[in-house]
Protein backbone atom coordinates (compact mmCIF):
# COMPACT_ATOMS: atom_id res chain seq x y z
CA MET A 1 49.66 133.53 116.53
CA LEU A 2 48.25 132.06 113.32
CA ALA A 3 51.80 131.87 111.94
CA ARG A 4 52.94 129.98 115.04
CA VAL A 5 50.05 127.54 114.71
CA THR A 6 50.85 127.05 111.03
CA SER A 7 54.52 126.38 111.76
CA ALA A 8 53.52 124.01 114.57
CA LEU A 9 51.27 122.20 112.12
CA ALA A 10 54.13 121.90 109.62
CA SER A 11 56.59 120.56 112.20
CA ALA A 12 53.99 118.15 113.54
CA ALA A 13 53.38 116.90 110.01
CA ALA A 14 57.12 116.33 109.51
CA SER A 15 57.36 114.45 112.81
CA ALA A 16 54.32 112.38 111.94
CA ALA A 17 56.00 111.08 108.79
CA THR A 18 58.63 109.22 110.86
CA SER A 19 56.27 106.67 112.34
CA ALA A 20 53.25 105.00 110.72
CA ALA A 21 51.44 104.52 114.05
CA THR A 22 52.11 108.09 115.13
CA SER A 23 51.20 109.33 111.67
CA ALA A 24 47.51 108.44 111.93
CA VAL A 25 47.15 110.05 115.36
CA ALA A 26 49.12 113.15 114.36
CA SER A 27 47.14 113.56 111.15
CA ALA A 28 43.87 113.41 113.06
CA ALA A 29 45.15 115.96 115.57
CA LEU A 30 46.37 118.22 112.77
CA GLU A 31 42.97 118.12 111.11
CA VAL A 32 41.25 119.07 114.38
CA VAL A 33 43.62 121.99 115.05
CA ALA A 34 43.45 123.21 111.46
CA SER A 35 39.66 123.11 111.45
CA ARG A 36 39.49 125.02 114.77
CA VAL A 37 41.86 127.74 113.55
CA GLY A 38 40.08 127.89 110.21
CA SER A 39 36.66 128.17 111.82
CA MET A 40 37.84 131.00 114.09
CA THR A 41 39.12 133.09 111.19
CA HIS A 42 36.83 131.85 108.39
CA GLY A 43 35.24 134.75 106.56
CA ILE A 44 36.79 137.43 108.74
CA THR A 45 39.07 138.85 106.07
CA LYS A 46 36.29 138.76 103.47
CA LYS A 47 33.63 140.33 105.70
CA ALA A 48 33.20 144.03 105.11
CA SER A 49 33.37 146.17 108.20
CA ALA A 50 30.07 147.82 109.08
CA TYR A 51 31.99 150.99 109.96
CA ARG A 52 33.65 151.03 106.54
CA SER A 53 30.35 150.54 104.74
CA GLU A 54 28.48 153.20 106.78
CA ILE A 55 31.08 155.99 106.78
CA PRO A 56 32.52 157.25 103.46
CA PHE A 57 36.27 156.86 102.97
CA GLU A 58 36.96 160.60 102.82
CA VAL A 59 35.17 161.19 106.12
CA ARG A 60 37.12 158.38 107.80
CA VAL A 61 40.45 159.77 106.54
CA ALA A 62 39.58 163.32 107.64
CA ASP A 63 38.52 162.03 111.05
CA ALA A 64 41.73 160.01 111.47
CA ARG A 65 43.91 162.96 110.44
CA ARG A 66 42.11 165.26 112.88
CA LEU A 67 42.57 162.73 115.68
CA ARG A 68 46.28 162.20 114.84
CA GLU A 69 46.88 165.98 114.95
CA GLN A 70 44.97 166.43 118.19
CA TYR A 71 46.25 163.23 119.88
CA PRO A 72 49.59 162.20 118.33
CA ASP A 73 50.23 159.51 120.97
CA ARG A 74 46.91 157.72 120.38
CA ILE A 75 45.57 155.32 117.76
CA ALA A 76 42.06 155.22 116.35
CA ILE A 77 40.82 151.64 116.32
CA ILE A 78 37.53 150.11 115.26
CA VAL A 79 36.36 146.97 117.07
CA GLU A 80 33.46 144.95 115.67
CA PRO A 81 32.07 141.45 116.19
CA ALA A 82 33.28 138.79 113.75
CA ASP A 83 29.71 137.72 112.96
CA ALA A 84 26.11 138.22 114.02
CA ASN A 85 26.31 135.42 116.62
CA GLN A 86 28.82 137.33 118.74
CA PRO A 87 27.79 139.56 121.66
CA THR A 88 27.43 143.21 120.75
CA ILE A 89 29.74 145.90 122.03
CA ASP A 90 28.36 149.23 123.25
CA LYS A 91 30.80 151.25 121.13
CA ARG A 92 33.03 150.30 118.27
CA LYS A 93 35.42 153.21 117.90
CA PHE A 94 38.20 153.68 120.45
CA LEU A 95 41.04 156.18 120.76
CA VAL A 96 43.69 154.29 122.69
CA PRO A 97 47.25 155.07 123.84
CA ASP A 98 49.77 153.70 121.35
CA ASP A 99 51.67 151.86 124.10
CA LEU A 100 48.57 149.85 125.08
CA SER A 101 49.10 146.11 124.65
CA VAL A 102 46.74 143.73 122.90
CA GLY A 103 46.10 142.03 126.25
CA GLN A 104 45.00 145.34 127.78
CA LEU A 105 42.72 145.99 124.81
CA LEU A 106 41.21 142.52 125.28
CA TYR A 107 40.47 143.43 128.89
CA VAL A 108 38.67 146.62 127.81
CA ILE A 109 36.65 144.78 125.16
CA ARG A 110 35.79 141.99 127.59
CA LYS A 111 34.38 144.54 130.06
CA ARG A 112 32.47 146.38 127.32
CA ILE A 113 30.67 143.28 126.05
CA LYS A 114 30.10 141.92 129.58
CA LEU A 115 31.58 138.54 128.75
CA ALA A 116 31.07 135.64 131.15
CA PRO A 117 34.25 134.29 132.79
CA GLU A 118 33.93 130.89 131.12
CA GLN A 119 34.01 132.43 127.65
CA ALA A 120 37.26 132.99 125.78
CA LEU A 121 37.75 136.15 123.72
CA PHE A 122 39.79 136.22 120.52
CA LEU A 123 40.85 139.44 118.83
CA MET A 124 41.80 139.39 115.16
CA THR A 125 43.27 142.03 112.88
CA SER A 126 41.60 142.95 109.61
CA GLN A 127 43.92 140.46 107.90
CA GLY A 128 42.52 137.65 110.06
CA SER A 129 45.61 137.09 112.21
CA ILE A 130 45.48 136.80 115.99
CA PRO A 131 48.11 139.16 117.44
CA PRO A 132 50.20 138.21 120.50
CA ASN A 133 48.82 139.61 123.77
CA GLY A 134 52.12 141.31 124.59
CA SER A 135 52.50 143.27 121.37
CA SER A 136 51.79 146.99 121.47
CA LEU A 137 49.07 148.53 119.37
CA ARG A 138 51.68 150.88 117.86
CA GLN A 139 53.54 147.86 116.42
CA LEU A 140 50.33 146.43 115.01
CA TYR A 141 49.24 149.81 113.65
CA ASP A 142 52.56 150.29 111.86
CA GLN A 143 52.27 146.82 110.31
CA SER A 144 48.62 146.65 109.33
CA HIS A 145 46.60 149.86 109.56
CA ASP A 146 44.03 150.47 106.88
CA ASP A 147 44.26 153.07 104.10
CA ASP A 148 41.90 155.30 106.08
CA MET A 149 44.48 155.44 108.95
CA HIS A 150 42.30 153.39 111.34
CA MET A 151 43.18 150.00 112.80
CA TYR A 152 40.39 147.44 112.43
CA PHE A 153 39.83 144.51 114.77
CA THR A 154 37.15 141.86 114.94
CA TYR A 155 36.43 139.79 118.01
CA ALA A 156 35.01 136.34 118.51
CA THR A 157 34.01 134.50 121.64
CA GLU A 158 33.98 130.82 122.39
CA HIS A 159 32.88 128.79 125.38
CA ALA A 160 35.93 127.45 127.15
CA PHE A 161 37.39 126.68 130.54
CA GLY A 162 35.09 123.79 131.40
CA SER A 163 31.88 125.34 130.14
CA SER A 164 29.25 122.80 129.11
CA GLN A 165 27.52 125.18 126.70
CA GLU A 166 28.01 124.87 122.95
């Protein structure tokens, strides 16, 4: 998703260069979009996971190996809030089917944190990218699992859909 936004920004910048009047408007719009995307992912890749800091690496690897042997068609994922201002989740470690989509995982997380309907939920990988809702967790795991064989996600919420709250 972040790659699509970046490419959209680049094509919008190229289009904006063709007209001086359009250029000012497009530049302002690009700055707004870039700041929104940047603020959603700012600090997420640099923030250390609480799970990683609390559980030693060897224990996490042993746990992941045991789970992979016992449940070969499931993936161990860790879901944590992006920052302290986000709602808390009642559990952070999930063992999910590998054919589960990101959209289905978002539904599970949304129910677990009891999110209001007017709030949007964003799920980001440990690299800070926002995966497409239709992609399977197996695809994401194969691309970006951690060295300890877990897949780490952070979530962020934002008021949307006509909400007047800030």
